[in-house]
Amino acid sequence: MGIIEVTNIKVYAYHGCLAEETKIGSDYLVNVSVKADLTNAAASDNLKDTVDYVHINHIVKEEMAIPAKLLEHVADRIIQRILLEINIVMEVSVVVSKINPPIGGDVEKVTITLKSKRS
């Protein structure tokens, strides 16, 4: 089993429970880690035998573009798409961070992490 990580995908999006969050938007960082059998890819040197991180980045950007109240909801959508579209992935972890959240204090970011395995 191997691990592929796509880290610090920067996205501007419109998530949140407050009205101003969905109007003004905010900066986000998304990290994705997937586990897959990379044995064939190591031997073949062929993109079709591995997890295409361009595809992961595409999924993240599309799902982050759809507004949601909760970051948990967005992370779960990303996980479900990765498991649906990239058959080689056996496990996936998605970390979504909202930069400078409007929570009435000097907070750098809030972060949620969701993980799932192929059943």
PDB file of N, CA and C in Angstrom:
ATOM      1  N   MET A   1       0.857  -1.184   0.000  1.00  0.00           N
ATOM      2  CA  MET A   1       0.000   0.000   0.000  1.00  0.00           C
ATOM      3  C   MET A   1       0.895   1.237   0.000  1.00  0.00           C
ATOM      4  N   GLY A   2       0.559   2.198  -0.833  1.00  0.00           N
ATOM      5  CA  GLY A   2       1.294   3.456  -0.885  1.00  0.00           C
ATOM      6  C   GLY A   2       0.374   4.615  -0.530  1.00  0.00           C
ATOM      7  N   ILE A   3       0.968   5.750  -0.308  1.00  0.00           N
ATOM      8  CA  ILE A   3       0.214   6.960   0.056  1.00  0.00           C
ATOM      9  C   ILE A   3       0.568   8.072  -0.924  1.00  0.00           C
ATOM     10  N   ILE A   4      -0.453   8.742  -1.406  1.00  0.00           N
ATOM     11  CA  ILE A   4      -0.272   9.933  -2.229  1.00  0.00           C
ATOM     12  C   ILE A   4      -0.969  11.079  -1.508  1.00  0.00           C
ATOM     13  N   GLU A   5      -0.240  12.176  -1.340  1.00  0.00           N
ATOM     14  CA  GLU A   5      -0.797  13.348  -0.668  1.00  0.00           C
ATOM     15  C   GLU A   5      -0.788  14.548  -1.614  1.00  0.00           C
ATOM     16  N   VAL A   6      -1.889  15.279  -1.610  1.00  0.00           N
ATOM     17  CA  VAL A   6      -1.974  16.551  -2.321  1.00  0.00           C
ATOM     18  C   VAL A   6      -2.228  17.582  -1.229  1.00  0.00           C
ATOM     19  N   THR A   7      -1.242  18.452  -1.004  1.00  0.00           N
ATOM     20  CA  THR A   7      -1.304  19.322   0.177  1.00  0.00           C
ATOM     21  C   THR A   7      -1.446  20.801  -0.168  1.00  0.00           C
ATOM     22  N   ASN A   8      -2.154  21.459   0.728  1.00  0.00           N
ATOM     23  CA  ASN A   8      -2.368  22.907   0.670  1.00  0.00           C
ATOM     24  C   ASN A   8      -2.939  23.393  -0.656  1.00  0.00           C
ATOM     25  N   ILE A   9      -4.020  22.749  -1.076  1.00  0.00           N
ATOM     26  CA  ILE A   9      -4.769  23.222  -2.241  1.00  0.00           C
ATOM     27  C   ILE A   9      -5.485  24.499  -1.805  1.00  0.00           C
ATOM     28  N   LYS A  10      -5.129  25.615  -2.395  1.00  0.00           N
ATOM     29  CA  LYS A  10      -5.707  26.902  -2.001  1.00  0.00           C
ATOM     30  C   LYS A  10      -6.956  27.173  -2.823  1.00  0.00           C
ATOM     31  N   VAL A  11      -8.035  27.494  -2.105  1.00  0.00           N
ATOM     32  CA  VAL A  11      -9.328  27.724  -2.744  1.00  0.00           C
ATOM     33  C   VAL A  11     -10.014  28.904  -2.068  1.00  0.00           C
ATOM     34  N   TYR A  12     -10.668  29.730  -2.862  1.00  0.00           N
ATOM     35  CA  TYR A  12     -11.555  30.764  -2.321  1.00  0.00           C
ATOM     36  C   TYR A  12     -12.967  30.252  -2.500  1.00  0.00           C
ATOM     37  N   ALA A  13     -13.736  30.171  -1.402  1.00  0.00           N
ATOM     38  CA  ALA A  13     -15.070  29.577  -1.486  1.00  0.00           C
ATOM     39  C   ALA A  13     -16.035  30.287  -0.542  1.00  0.00           C
ATOM     40  N   TYR A  14     -17.282  29.842  -0.589  1.00  0.00           N
ATOM     41  CA  TYR A  14     -18.378  30.532   0.102  1.00  0.00           C
ATOM     42  C   TYR A  14     -19.125  29.592   1.045  1.00  0.00           C
ATOM     43  N   HIS A  15     -18.418  29.045   2.023  1.00  0.00           N
ATOM     44  CA  HIS A  15     -19.024  28.130   2.981  1.00  0.00           C
ATOM     45  C   HIS A  15     -19.243  28.823   4.314  1.00  0.00           C
ATOM     46  N   GLY A  16     -20.286  28.401   5.024  1.00  0.00           N
ATOM     47  CA  GLY A  16     -20.520  28.910   6.370  1.00  0.00           C
ATOM     48  C   GLY A  16     -21.987  29.033   6.690  1.00  0.00           C
ATOM     49  N   CYS A  17     -22.247  29.153   7.983  1.00  0.00           N
ATOM     50  CA  CYS A  17     -23.626  29.286   8.467  1.00  0.00           C
ATOM     51  C   CYS A  17     -24.085  30.738   8.506  1.00  0.00           C
ATOM     52  N   LEU A  18     -23.145  31.671   8.551  1.00  0.00           N
ATOM     53  CA  LEU A  18     -23.498  33.088   8.594  1.00  0.00           C
ATOM     54  C   LEU A  18     -23.711  33.623   7.183  1.00  0.00           C
ATOM     55  N   ALA A  19     -24.682  34.516   7.041  1.00  0.00           N
ATOM     56  CA  ALA A  19     -25.014  35.073   5.724  1.00  0.00           C
ATOM     57  C   ALA A  19     -23.815  35.738   5.061  1.00  0.00           C
ATOM     58  N   GLU A  20     -23.016  36.472   5.846  1.00  0.00           N
ATOM     59  CA  GLU A  20     -21.866  37.164   5.253  1.00  0.00           C
ATOM     60  C   GLU A  20     -20.800  36.190   4.738  1.00  0.00           C
ATOM     61  N   GLU A  21     -20.714  35.012   5.338  1.00  0.00           N
ATOM     62  CA  GLU A  21     -19.739  34.025   4.874  1.00  0.00           C
ATOM     63  C   GLU A  21     -20.070  33.553   3.461  1.00  0.00           C
ATOM     64  N   THR A  22     -21.352  33.406   3.183  1.00  0.00           N
ATOM     65  CA  THR A  22     -21.752  32.921   1.858  1.00  0.00           C
ATOM     66  C   THR A  22     -21.770  34.042   0.817  1.00  0.00           C
ATOM     67  N   LYS A  23     -21.698  35.298   1.266  1.00  0.00           N
ATOM     68  CA  LYS A  23     -21.651  36.427   0.335  1.00  0.00           C
ATOM     69  C   LYS A  23     -20.222  36.890   0.081  1.00  0.00           C
ATOM     70  N   ILE A  24     -19.451  37.007   1.151  1.00  0.00           N
ATOM     71  CA  ILE A  24     -18.090  37.534   1.048  1.00  0.00           C
ATOM     72  C   ILE A  24     -17.097  36.449   0.652  1.00  0.00           C
ATOM     73  N   GLY A  25     -17.271  35.264   1.199  1.00  0.00           N
ATOM     74  CA  GLY A  25     -16.348  34.168   0.936  1.00  0.00           C
ATOM     75  C   GLY A  25     -15.128  34.221   1.828  1.00  0.00           C
ATOM     76  N   SER A  26     -14.283  33.221   1.681  1.00  0.00           N
ATOM     77  CA  SER A  26     -13.110  33.106   2.534  1.00  0.00           C
ATOM     78  C   SER A  26     -12.067  32.222   1.856  1.00  0.00           C
ATOM     79  N   ASP A  27     -10.860  32.297   2.375  1.00  0.00           N
ATOM     80  CA  ASP A  27      -9.786  31.439   1.890  1.00  0.00           C
ATOM     81  C   ASP A  27      -9.806  30.103   2.633  1.00  0.00           C
ATOM     82  N   TYR A  28      -9.503  29.041   1.903  1.00  0.00           N
ATOM     83  CA  TYR A  28      -9.472  27.686   2.464  1.00  0.00           C
ATOM     84  C   TYR A  28      -8.213  26.979   1.988  1.00  0.00           C
ATOM     85  N   LEU A  29      -7.775  26.030   2.807  1.00  0.00           N
ATOM     86  CA  LEU A  29      -6.729  25.097   2.420  1.00  0.00           C
ATOM     87  C   LEU A  29      -7.296  23.696   2.539  1.00  0.00           C
ATOM     88  N   VAL A  30      -7.038  22.876   1.533  1.00  0.00           N
ATOM     89  CA  VAL A  30      -7.524  21.495   1.542  1.00  0.00           C
ATOM     90  C   VAL A  30      -6.329  20.570   1.343  1.00  0.00           C
ATOM     91  N   ASN A  31      -6.273  19.525   2.176  1.00  0.00           N
ATOM     92  CA  ASN A  31      -5.251  18.491   2.063  1.00  0.00           C
ATOM     93  C   ASN A  31      -5.944  17.160   1.866  1.00  0.00           C
ATOM     94  N   VAL A  32      -5.447  16.392   0.912  1.00  0.00           N
ATOM     95  CA  VAL A  32      -6.021  15.075   0.617  1.00  0.00           C
ATOM     96  C   VAL A  32      -4.901  14.044   0.675  1.00  0.00           C
ATOM     97  N   SER A  33      -5.171  12.952   1.371  1.00  0.00           N
ATOM     98  CA  SER A  33      -4.247  11.831   1.433  1.00  0.00           C
ATOM     99  C   SER A  33      -5.009  10.576   1.053  1.00  0.00           C
ATOM    100  N   VAL A  34      -4.459   9.811   0.108  1.00  0.00           N
ATOM    101  CA  VAL A  34      -5.116   8.572  -0.308  1.00  0.00           C
ATOM    102  C   VAL A  34      -4.139   7.407  -0.190  1.00  0.00           C
ATOM    103  N   LYS A  35      -4.696   6.253   0.155  1.00  0.00           N
ATOM    104  CA  LYS A  35      -3.914   5.020   0.187  1.00  0.00           C
ATOM    105  C   LYS A  35      -4.381   4.147  -0.967  1.00  0.00           C
ATOM    106  N   ALA A  36      -3.402   3.576  -1.665  1.00  0.00           N
ATOM    107  CA  ALA A  36      -3.712   2.728  -2.812  1.00  0.00           C
ATOM    108  C   ALA A  36      -2.551   1.761  -3.039  1.00  0.00           C
ATOM    109  N   ASP A  37      -2.846   0.684  -3.741  1.00  0.00           N
ATOM    110  CA  ASP A  37      -1.795  -0.249  -4.129  1.00  0.00           C
ATOM    111  C   ASP A  37      -1.070   0.357  -5.327  1.00  0.00           C
ATOM    112  N   LEU A  38       0.158   0.781  -5.098  1.00  0.00           N
ATOM    113  CA  LEU A  38       0.940   1.456  -6.141  1.00  0.00           C
ATOM    114  C   LEU A  38       1.987   0.540  -6.767  1.00  0.00           C
ATOM    115  N   THR A  39       1.867  -0.750  -6.527  1.00  0.00           N
ATOM    116  CA  THR A  39       2.822  -1.726  -7.044  1.00  0.00           C
ATOM    117  C   THR A  39       2.901  -1.681  -8.574  1.00  0.00           C
ATOM    118  N   ASN A  40       1.757  -1.711  -9.234  1.00  0.00           N
ATOM    119  CA  ASN A  40       1.738  -1.677 -10.703  1.00  0.00           C
ATOM    120  C   ASN A  40       2.339  -0.385 -11.240  1.00  0.00           C
ATOM    121  N   ALA A  41       2.018   0.732 -10.602  1.00  0.00           N
ATOM    122  CA  ALA A  41       2.547   2.021 -11.049  1.00  0.00           C
ATOM    123  C   ALA A  41       4.070   2.065 -10.917  1.00  0.00           C
ATOM    124  N   ALA A  42       4.580   1.512  -9.829  1.00  0.00           N
ATOM    125  CA  ALA A  42       6.026   1.510  -9.616  1.00  0.00           C
ATOM    126  C   ALA A  42       6.740   0.702 -10.698  1.00  0.00           C
ATOM    127  N   ALA A  43       6.099  -0.370 -11.140  1.00  0.00           N
ATOM    128  CA  ALA A  43       6.710  -1.222 -12.173  1.00  0.00           C
ATOM    129  C   ALA A  43       6.505  -0.677 -13.583  1.00  0.00           C
ATOM    130  N   SER A  44       5.311  -0.130 -13.854  1.00  0.00           N
ATOM    131  CA  SER A  44       4.962   0.247 -15.235  1.00  0.00           C
ATOM    132  C   SER A  44       5.402   1.651 -15.636  1.00  0.00           C
ATOM    133  N   ASP A  45       5.515   2.563 -14.651  1.00  0.00           N
ATOM    134  CA  ASP A  45       5.806   3.970 -14.938  1.00  0.00           C
ATOM    135  C   ASP A  45       4.724   4.575 -15.835  1.00  0.00           C
ATOM    136  N   ASN A  46       3.471   4.143 -15.596  1.00  0.00           N
ATOM    137  CA  ASN A  46       2.347   4.575 -16.427  1.00  0.00           C
ATOM    138  C   ASN A  46       1.285   5.239 -15.554  1.00  0.00           C
ATOM    139  N   LEU A  47       0.833   6.416 -15.956  1.00  0.00           N
ATOM    140  CA  LEU A  47      -0.154   7.185 -15.195  1.00  0.00           C
ATOM    141  C   LEU A  47      -1.440   6.407 -14.948  1.00  0.00           C
ATOM    142  N   LYS A  48      -1.843   5.558 -15.882  1.00  0.00           N
ATOM    143  CA  LYS A  48      -3.100   4.819 -15.716  1.00  0.00           C
ATOM    144  C   LYS A  48      -3.052   3.830 -14.550  1.00  0.00           C
ATOM    145  N   ASP A  49      -1.859   3.531 -14.042  1.00  0.00           N
ATOM    146  CA  ASP A  49      -1.712   2.570 -12.947  1.00  0.00           C
ATOM    147  C   ASP A  49      -1.616   3.215 -11.567  1.00  0.00           C
ATOM    148  N   THR A  50      -1.784   4.527 -11.496  1.00  0.00           N
ATOM    149  CA  THR A  50      -1.645   5.218 -10.219  1.00  0.00           C
ATOM    150  C   THR A  50      -2.830   6.136  -9.964  1.00  0.00           C
ATOM    151  N   VAL A  51      -2.756   6.904  -8.905  1.00  0.00           N
ATOM    152  CA  VAL A  51      -3.763   7.909  -8.579  1.00  0.00           C
ATOM    153  C   VAL A  51      -3.305   9.225  -9.194  1.00  0.00           C
ATOM    154  N   ASP A  52      -4.078   9.748 -10.104  1.00  0.00           N
ATOM    155  CA  ASP A  52      -3.746  10.996 -10.786  1.00  0.00           C
ATOM    156  C   ASP A  52      -4.070  12.163  -9.856  1.00  0.00           C
ATOM    157  N   TYR A  53      -3.044  12.822  -9.341  1.00  0.00           N
ATOM    158  CA  TYR A  53      -3.292  13.919  -8.402  1.00  0.00           C
ATOM    159  C   TYR A  53      -3.911  15.134  -9.074  1.00  0.00           C
ATOM    160  N   VAL A  54      -3.813  15.226 -10.395  1.00  0.00           N
ATOM    161  CA  VAL A  54      -4.538  16.282 -11.123  1.00  0.00           C
ATOM    162  C   VAL A  54      -6.042  16.049 -10.977  1.00  0.00           C
ATOM    163  N   HIS A  55      -6.458  14.789 -11.017  1.00  0.00           N
ATOM    164  CA  HIS A  55      -7.868  14.434 -10.841  1.00  0.00           C
ATOM    165  C   HIS A  55      -8.328  14.789  -9.425  1.00  0.00           C
ATOM    166  N   ILE A  56      -7.494  14.493  -8.429  1.00  0.00           N
ATOM    167  CA  ILE A  56      -7.841  14.851  -7.046  1.00  0.00           C
ATOM    168  C   ILE A  56      -8.015  16.356  -6.920  1.00  0.00           C
ATOM    169  N   ASN A  57      -7.084  17.121  -7.454  1.00  0.00           N
ATOM    170  CA  ASN A  57      -7.166  18.580  -7.402  1.00  0.00           C
ATOM    171  C   ASN A  57      -8.442  19.076  -8.075  1.00  0.00           C
ATOM    172  N   HIS A  58      -8.800  18.489  -9.196  1.00  0.00           N
ATOM    173  CA  HIS A  58     -10.023  18.850  -9.925  1.00  0.00           C
ATOM    174  C   HIS A  58     -11.271  18.591  -9.061  1.00  0.00           C
ATOM    175  N   ILE A  59     -11.329  17.428  -8.422  1.00  0.00           N
ATOM    176  CA  ILE A  59     -12.461  17.092  -7.552  1.00  0.00           C
ATOM    177  C   ILE A  59     -12.572  18.112  -6.411  1.00  0.00           C
ATOM    178  N   VAL A  60     -11.459  18.408  -5.770  1.00  0.00           N
ATOM    179  CA  VAL A  60     -11.458  19.363  -4.652  1.00  0.00           C
ATOM    180  C   VAL A  60     -11.988  20.717  -5.111  1.00  0.00           C
ATOM    181  N   LYS A  61     -11.486  21.221  -6.213  1.00  0.00           N
ATOM    182  CA  LYS A  61     -11.909  22.547  -6.679  1.00  0.00           C
ATOM    183  C   LYS A  61     -13.394  22.568  -7.052  1.00  0.00           C
ATOM    184  N   GLU A  62     -13.874  21.508  -7.688  1.00  0.00           N
ATOM    185  CA  GLU A  62     -15.309  21.462  -8.040  1.00  0.00           C
ATOM    186  C   GLU A  62     -16.194  21.407  -6.793  1.00  0.00           C
ATOM    187  N   GLU A  63     -15.841  20.577  -5.844  1.00  0.00           N
ATOM    188  CA  GLU A  63     -16.677  20.437  -4.644  1.00  0.00           C
ATOM    189  C   GLU A  63     -16.594  21.665  -3.746  1.00  0.00           C
ATOM    190  N   MET A  64     -15.438  22.289  -3.679  1.00  0.00           N
ATOM    191  CA  MET A  64     -15.310  23.510  -2.869  1.00  0.00           C
ATOM    192  C   MET A  64     -16.090  24.668  -3.487  1.00  0.00           C
ATOM    193  N   ALA A  65     -16.367  24.600  -4.771  1.00  0.00           N
ATOM    194  CA  ALA A  65     -17.121  25.666  -5.448  1.00  0.00           C
ATOM    195  C   ALA A  65     -18.616  25.605  -5.149  1.00  0.00           C
ATOM    196  N   ILE A  66     -19.078  24.512  -4.559  1.00  0.00           N
ATOM    197  CA  ILE A  66     -20.490  24.361  -4.211  1.00  0.00           C
ATOM    198  C   ILE A  66     -20.673  24.774  -2.750  1.00  0.00           C
ATOM    199  N   PRO A  67     -21.357  25.896  -2.483  1.00  0.00           N
ATOM    200  CA  PRO A  67     -21.495  26.375  -1.107  1.00  0.00           C
ATOM    201  C   PRO A  67     -22.166  25.354  -0.184  1.00  0.00           C
ATOM    202  N   ALA A  68     -21.693  25.333   1.059  1.00  0.00           N
ATOM    203  CA  ALA A  68     -22.264  24.477   2.095  1.00  0.00           C
ATOM    204  C   ALA A  68     -22.177  25.214   3.430  1.00  0.00           C
ATOM    205  N   LYS A  69     -23.028  24.838   4.351  1.00  0.00           N
ATOM    206  CA  LYS A  69     -22.970  25.433   5.687  1.00  0.00           C
ATOM    207  C   LYS A  69     -21.788  24.884   6.476  1.00  0.00           C
ATOM    208  N   LEU A  70     -21.539  23.580   6.346  1.00  0.00           N
ATOM    209  CA  LEU A  70     -20.528  22.925   7.166  1.00  0.00           C
ATOM    210  C   LEU A  70     -19.360  22.396   6.336  1.00  0.00           C
ATOM    211  N   LEU A  71     -18.156  22.566   6.853  1.00  0.00           N
ATOM    212  CA  LEU A  71     -16.973  22.032   6.195  1.00  0.00           C
ATOM    213  C   LEU A  71     -17.007  20.506   6.167  1.00  0.00           C
ATOM    214  N   GLU A  72     -17.647  19.911   7.157  1.00  0.00           N
ATOM    215  CA  GLU A  72     -17.786  18.459   7.191  1.00  0.00           C
ATOM    216  C   GLU A  72     -18.532  17.949   5.957  1.00  0.00           C
ATOM    217  N   HIS A  73     -19.538  18.694   5.550  1.00  0.00           N
ATOM    218  CA  HIS A  73     -20.332  18.314   4.381  1.00  0.00           C
ATOM    219  C   HIS A  73     -19.485  18.361   3.111  1.00  0.00           C
ATOM    220  N   VAL A  74     -18.700  19.418   2.982  1.00  0.00           N
ATOM    221  CA  VAL A  74     -17.830  19.567   1.807  1.00  0.00           C
ATOM    222  C   VAL A  74     -16.787  18.451   1.780  1.00  0.00           C
ATOM    223  N   ALA A  75     -16.156  18.188   2.914  1.00  0.00           N
ATOM    224  CA  ALA A  75     -15.134  17.137   2.985  1.00  0.00           C
ATOM    225  C   ALA A  75     -15.722  15.783   2.622  1.00  0.00           C
ATOM    226  N   ASP A  76     -16.931  15.507   3.080  1.00  0.00           N
ATOM    227  CA  ASP A  76     -17.570  14.227   2.758  1.00  0.00           C
ATOM    228  C   ASP A  76     -17.865  14.120   1.266  1.00  0.00           C
ATOM    229  N   ARG A  77     -18.296  15.207   0.648  1.00  0.00           N
ATOM    230  CA  ARG A  77     -18.524  15.185  -0.806  1.00  0.00           C
ATOM    231  C   ARG A  77     -17.230  14.880  -1.554  1.00  0.00           C
ATOM    232  N   ILE A  78     -16.130  15.470  -1.109  1.00  0.00           N
ATOM    233  CA  ILE A  78     -14.832  15.222  -1.748  1.00  0.00           C
ATOM    234  C   ILE A  78     -14.464  13.746  -1.606  1.00  0.00           C
ATOM    235  N   ILE A  79     -14.620  13.204  -0.413  1.00  0.00           N
ATOM    236  CA  ILE A  79     -14.316  11.787  -0.161  1.00  0.00           C
ATOM    237  C   ILE A  79     -15.152  10.885  -1.055  1.00  0.00           C
ATOM    238  N   GLN A  80     -16.450  11.129  -1.115  1.00  0.00           N
ATOM    239  CA  GLN A  80     -17.337  10.268  -1.905  1.00  0.00           C
ATOM    240  C   GLN A  80     -16.970  10.304  -3.386  1.00  0.00           C
ATOM    241  N   ARG A  81     -16.617  11.471  -3.891  1.00  0.00           N
ATOM    242  CA  ARG A  81     -16.222  11.576  -5.309  1.00  0.00           C
ATOM    243  C   ARG A  81     -14.923  10.840  -5.580  1.00  0.00           C
ATOM    244  N   ILE A  82     -13.960  10.973  -4.682  1.00  0.00           N
ATOM    245  CA  ILE A  82     -12.681  10.282  -4.876  1.00  0.00           C
ATOM    246  C   ILE A  82     -12.904   8.776  -4.897  1.00  0.00           C
ATOM    247  N   LEU A  83     -13.690   8.260  -3.953  1.00  0.00           N
ATOM    248  CA  LEU A  83     -13.948   6.817  -3.911  1.00  0.00           C
ATOM    249  C   LEU A  83     -14.739   6.345  -5.128  1.00  0.00           C
ATOM    250  N   LEU A  84     -15.626   7.189  -5.630  1.00  0.00           N
ATOM    251  CA  LEU A  84     -16.434   6.838  -6.797  1.00  0.00           C
ATOM    252  C   LEU A  84     -15.617   6.876  -8.092  1.00  0.00           C
ATOM    253  N   GLU A  85     -14.777   7.874  -8.238  1.00  0.00           N
ATOM    254  CA  GLU A  85     -14.118   8.131  -9.517  1.00  0.00           C
ATOM    255  C   GLU A  85     -12.711   7.529  -9.655  1.00  0.00           C
ATOM    256  N   ILE A  86     -12.079   7.213  -8.533  1.00  0.00           N
ATOM    257  CA  ILE A  86     -10.705   6.694  -8.598  1.00  0.00           C
ATOM    258  C   ILE A  86     -10.686   5.324  -7.930  1.00  0.00           C
ATOM    259  N   ASN A  87     -10.887   4.303  -8.738  1.00  0.00           N
ATOM    260  CA  ASN A  87     -11.090   2.941  -8.228  1.00  0.00           C
ATOM    261  C   ASN A  87      -9.916   2.370  -7.449  1.00  0.00           C
ATOM    262  N   ILE A  88      -8.717   2.800  -7.721  1.00  0.00           N
ATOM    263  CA  ILE A  88      -7.540   2.270  -7.053  1.00  0.00           C
ATOM    264  C   ILE A  88      -7.444   2.723  -5.585  1.00  0.00           C
ATOM    265  N   VAL A  89      -8.121   3.807  -5.226  1.00  0.00           N
ATOM    266  CA  VAL A  89      -8.053   4.352  -3.859  1.00  0.00           C
ATOM    267  C   VAL A  89      -8.808   3.439  -2.897  1.00  0.00           C
ATOM    268  N   MET A  90      -8.119   3.045  -1.821  1.00  0.00           N
ATOM    269  CA  MET A  90      -8.728   2.190  -0.799  1.00  0.00           C
ATOM    270  C   MET A  90      -9.122   2.974   0.448  1.00  0.00           C
ATOM    271  N   GLU A  91      -8.365   4.022   0.760  1.00  0.00           N
ATOM    272  CA  GLU A  91      -8.643   4.878   1.911  1.00  0.00           C
ATOM    273  C   GLU A  91      -8.384   6.322   1.514  1.00  0.00           C
ATOM    274  N   VAL A  92      -9.144   7.227   2.114  1.00  0.00           N
ATOM    275  CA  VAL A  92      -8.950   8.649   1.815  1.00  0.00           C
ATOM    276  C   VAL A  92      -9.167   9.471   3.084  1.00  0.00           C
ATOM    277  N   SER A  93      -8.345  10.492   3.228  1.00  0.00           N
ATOM    278  CA  SER A  93      -8.463  11.458   4.316  1.00  0.00           C
ATOM    279  C   SER A  93      -8.505  12.848   3.697  1.00  0.00           C
ATOM    280  N   VAL A  94      -9.470  13.647   4.144  1.00  0.00           N
ATOM    281  CA  VAL A  94      -9.598  15.014   3.637  1.00  0.00           C
ATOM    282  C   VAL A  94      -9.582  15.970   4.826  1.00  0.00           C
ATOM    283  N   VAL A  95      -8.723  16.973   4.735  1.00  0.00           N
ATOM    284  CA  VAL A  95      -8.597  17.997   5.770  1.00  0.00           C
ATOM    285  C   VAL A  95      -8.946  19.332   5.127  1.00  0.00           C
ATOM    286  N   VAL A  96      -9.945  20.017   5.690  1.00  0.00           N
ATOM    287  CA  VAL A  96     -10.361  21.319   5.167  1.00  0.00           C
ATOM    288  C   VAL A  96     -10.155  22.356   6.266  1.00  0.00           C
ATOM    289  N   SER A  97      -9.433  23.421   5.938  1.00  0.00           N
ATOM    290  CA  SER A  97      -9.167  24.501   6.891  1.00  0.00           C
ATOM    291  C   SER A  97      -9.738  25.804   6.365  1.00  0.00           C
ATOM    292  N   LYS A  98     -10.479  26.500   7.222  1.00  0.00           N
ATOM    293  CA  LYS A  98     -10.977  27.836   6.893  1.00  0.00           C
ATOM    294  C   LYS A  98     -10.011  28.833   7.528  1.00  0.00           C
ATOM    295  N   ILE A  99      -9.424  29.677   6.687  1.00  0.00           N
ATOM    296  CA  ILE A  99      -8.433  30.646   7.143  1.00  0.00           C
ATOM    297  C   ILE A  99      -9.139  31.885   7.697  1.00  0.00           C
ATOM    298  N   ASN A 100      -8.670  32.369   8.832  1.00  0.00           N
ATOM    299  CA  ASN A 100      -9.247  33.560   9.488  1.00  0.00           C
ATOM    300  C   ASN A 100     -10.765  33.477   9.627  1.00  0.00           C
ATOM    301  N   PRO A 101     -11.278  32.479  10.323  1.00  0.00           N
ATOM    302  CA  PRO A 101     -12.733  32.339  10.450  1.00  0.00           C
ATOM    303  C   PRO A 101     -13.340  33.472  11.280  1.00  0.00           C
ATOM    304  N   PRO A 102     -14.565  33.871  10.939  1.00  0.00           N
ATOM    305  CA  PRO A 102     -15.220  34.970  11.669  1.00  0.00           C
ATOM    306  C   PRO A 102     -15.870  34.454  12.964  1.00  0.00           C
ATOM    307  N   ILE A 103     -15.027  34.138  13.958  1.00  0.00           N
ATOM    308  CA  ILE A 103     -15.572  33.575  15.206  1.00  0.00           C
ATOM    309  C   ILE A 103     -15.302  34.471  16.420  1.00  0.00           C
ATOM    310  N   GLY A 104     -15.058  35.747  16.161  1.00  0.00           N
ATOM    311  CA  GLY A 104     -14.929  36.706  17.253  1.00  0.00           C
ATOM    312  C   GLY A 104     -13.645  36.582  18.045  1.00  0.00           C
ATOM    313  N   GLY A 105     -12.565  36.276  17.382  1.00  0.00           N
ATOM    314  CA  GLY A 105     -11.276  36.184  18.058  1.00  0.00           C
ATOM    315  C   GLY A 105     -10.165  36.132  17.042  1.00  0.00           C
ATOM    316  N   ASP A 106      -8.933  36.182  17.540  1.00  0.00           N
ATOM    317  CA  ASP A 106      -7.768  36.117  16.666  1.00  0.00           C
ATOM    318  C   ASP A 106      -7.417  34.650  16.456  1.00  0.00           C
ATOM    319  N   VAL A 107      -8.031  34.046  15.438  1.00  0.00           N
ATOM    320  CA  VAL A 107      -7.862  32.617  15.157  1.00  0.00           C
ATOM    321  C   VAL A 107      -7.307  32.473  13.745  1.00  0.00           C
ATOM    322  N   GLU A 108      -6.198  31.759  13.628  1.00  0.00           N
ATOM    323  CA  GLU A 108      -5.576  31.572  12.321  1.00  0.00           C
ATOM    324  C   GLU A 108      -6.465  30.765  11.387  1.00  0.00           C
ATOM    325  N   LYS A 109      -6.996  29.636  11.890  1.00  0.00           N
ATOM    326  CA  LYS A 109      -7.829  28.778  11.057  1.00  0.00           C
ATOM    327  C   LYS A 109      -8.583  27.788  11.925  1.00  0.00           C
ATOM    328  N   VAL A 110      -9.657  27.264  11.353  1.00  0.00           N
ATOM    329  CA  VAL A 110     -10.349  26.111  11.938  1.00  0.00           C
ATOM    330  C   VAL A 110     -10.231  24.986  10.922  1.00  0.00           C
ATOM    331  N   THR A 111     -10.069  23.774  11.428  1.00  0.00           N
ATOM    332  CA  THR A 111      -9.791  22.640  10.559  1.00  0.00           C
ATOM    333  C   THR A 111     -10.659  21.448  10.931  1.00  0.00           C
ATOM    334  N   ILE A 112     -11.171  20.773   9.920  1.00  0.00           N
ATOM    335  CA  ILE A 112     -11.879  19.513  10.139  1.00  0.00           C
ATOM    336  C   ILE A 112     -11.171  18.434   9.318  1.00  0.00           C
ATOM    337  N   THR A 113     -11.228  17.216   9.835  1.00  0.00           N
ATOM    338  CA  THR A 113     -10.643  16.071   9.144  1.00  0.00           C
ATOM    339  C   THR A 113     -11.667  14.953   9.076  1.00  0.00           C
ATOM    340  N   LEU A 114     -11.873  14.411   7.894  1.00  0.00           N
ATOM    341  CA  LEU A 114     -12.735  13.242   7.718  1.00  0.00           C
ATOM    342  C   LEU A 114     -11.947  12.168   6.988  1.00  0.00           C
ATOM    343  N   LYS A 115     -12.204  10.914   7.358  1.00  0.00           N
ATOM    344  CA  LYS A 115     -11.532   9.780   6.735  1.00  0.00           C
ATOM    345  C   LYS A 115     -12.567   8.734   6.378  1.00  0.00           C
ATOM    346  N   SER A 116     -12.269   7.968   5.324  1.00  0.00           N
ATOM    347  CA  SER A 116     -13.163   6.872   4.938  1.00  0.00           C
ATOM    348  C   SER A 116     -12.356   5.802   4.221  1.00  0.00           C
ATOM    349  N   LYS A 117     -12.888   4.572   4.257  1.00  0.00           N
ATOM    350  CA  LYS A 117     -12.299   3.445   3.557  1.00  0.00           C
ATOM    351  C   LYS A 117     -13.306   2.891   2.575  1.00  0.00           C
ATOM    352  N   ARG A 118     -12.789   2.331   1.508  1.00  0.00           N
ATOM    353  CA  ARG A 118     -13.659   1.655   0.548  1.00  0.00           C
ATOM    354  C   ARG A 118     -14.262   0.436   1.229  1.00  0.00           C
ATOM    355  N   SER A 119     -15.563   0.231   1.048  1.00  0.00           N
ATOM    356  CA  SER A 119     -16.210  -0.920   1.704  1.00  0.00           C
ATOM    357  C   SER A 119     -16.193  -2.150   0.832  1.00  0.00           C
TER     358      SER A 119
END
